[in-house]
Amino acid sequence: MKHDICNAPVSLDEPASLENWNSMVRAFLAHKPSTPQHLAAVLEAEPGFVMGLAARGLFSLMMGRAEMWQIAQDAQSAAHIAAAQQAISPRETLWLNALDAWLADSLTAAVAALEQVLDTYPQDTLTAKTSHAINFILGNATGMRVSIERVLPAHGADHPLRGYMLGCHAFTLEETGDYAKAELTGRAGLSYAPDDAWGLHAVAHVHDMRAEPDAGITLIEDHKSAWEGSNNFRYHVWWHKALLHLDRGEHEVALALYDSQIRADRTDDYRDIANATSLLMRLELEGTETGDRWNELGALAENRIDDGCVVFADLHYQLALAGAAKGEAAEAMSARFARDARQSGDMAQRIFDPGLAALAGLNAFAEGRYGDAFVQLAKARPKMQSIGGSHAQRDVFERMTIDAALRAGHFDAAEDMLRQRLALRSGHEDRFNATRFDQLSHARRIPAE
């Protein structure tokens, strides 16, 4: 049996197929748009390649779109038929198990199957990155870090994909609060893999969390080779740049980046919608007019009400619906949440808690019912990490919760949340915290005056 660039077995017959597979692995790690083309070439040449079919299924599910579910199920069926007709490696069997688990709405079991692969093949960068990605969707920062740290020793200086694992490690370090080590690790990773958009963005996260907008902007501008050639992930890097400009008070610059880069392609990919809605909401919280930009997002979100694939995506669709004043669609989303919350599975559990409360809080905030918004968002807050995403991405909900508290007169609660937000950033005060502490101080003086 042949071995791929990860030094792990694959049941491929043709040298050209192995070359395409290795190209797919590199492209997937670097978030390149050529990933599906390389995978398609492998499966066109060898349609019974079980691991390739399982990869198609898992990668489809990562898109978080309802229509990709059928593609994943078709890949699953084909993989099981192919597996019954040939001898495959335990690695490939476990990849198929991971796909089966996710389609049964158990992303945790999917991760467990992939981690079993890493027990035997710790140098398997593709499996490590895939486990990393699913843990990210689950909001499992600790799990991401444990997974990467146990395979990192097998990715020594002679491993061709070492840089990408260092990029993943940098992100897990940042998400678990080790900012200094995260920056060093991320920069080291870029020296091995200059096109590692994920590792570059991990360092950008560090600068965001340490309130270092100048350093973050310089990092992004000086390492364009790491992310300009990536798929729509490049829009996420532009989003990070916009946040850094926002932290410098440069609202017009952030809005210009929204128009020229972040929404350059007006897709309804949930990650692109999340970038857009969360930036517009941040700008509005700072008093910046955003014009009619919500309308485009609301129209796209209206078609995603029944997706129900990722709670993180749903809550950003709800931001779009609220921003575009699509009340009936927002009510339909609430009704769908109520139905899904009665189901079982990883996503259903997250819809039940914190999803129901978070959605109610977003609706109340949009309607100006800040007292209700605070109650619901505060109720959701302890488990918001479980919806997935990063600290930086979920911070839009944190900002809304704090502003709802301030507007509703819950000053002690607002102060507690601001101090917790500051502690998460190791005491580094960004513009949001500074301005809200000022607002809090002013609000508390008003009765005495």
Foldseek 3Di string as FASTA:
>chain_A
DDAALLRHDWPADDPVLRVLVNVLLVQVLLQFPCNVVSLVVNCVVPVLGLQSLLVQLLVLLLLLFQVSLVSNVVSLVSNVVSCVVDPDDLQSVLSSVLSVCVNVQANVSSLVSLLVVCVVRLSRPSSLVSSLSSCQQQLNLVVNQVSLVVSLVVLDPPRLQNLSSLLSNLQSCVQVQVLVVSLVSLVVSCVSPLQRLSSLVSNLSSCVLQQNLVVSLCSCVVSVNNQVRHDLVNLVSLLSNLVSCVLVVNNVVSLVSVVVRLVVPVDLRLVSLLSNLLSVLVCVVVVHDNPQVLQSLLVSLLVRLQSLSALLSLLSSLSSVLVNVVVVSLVSSLVNLVVLCPDDHLSVVVSVALVNLQSQLSNCVSVVVLVSNLVSLVRRPVCVSSSGDGCVSCVSSLLSNLVSCLVVVVLVVSVVSLVVSCVSSVNNDTPSSVVSVVSSVVVVCVVVD
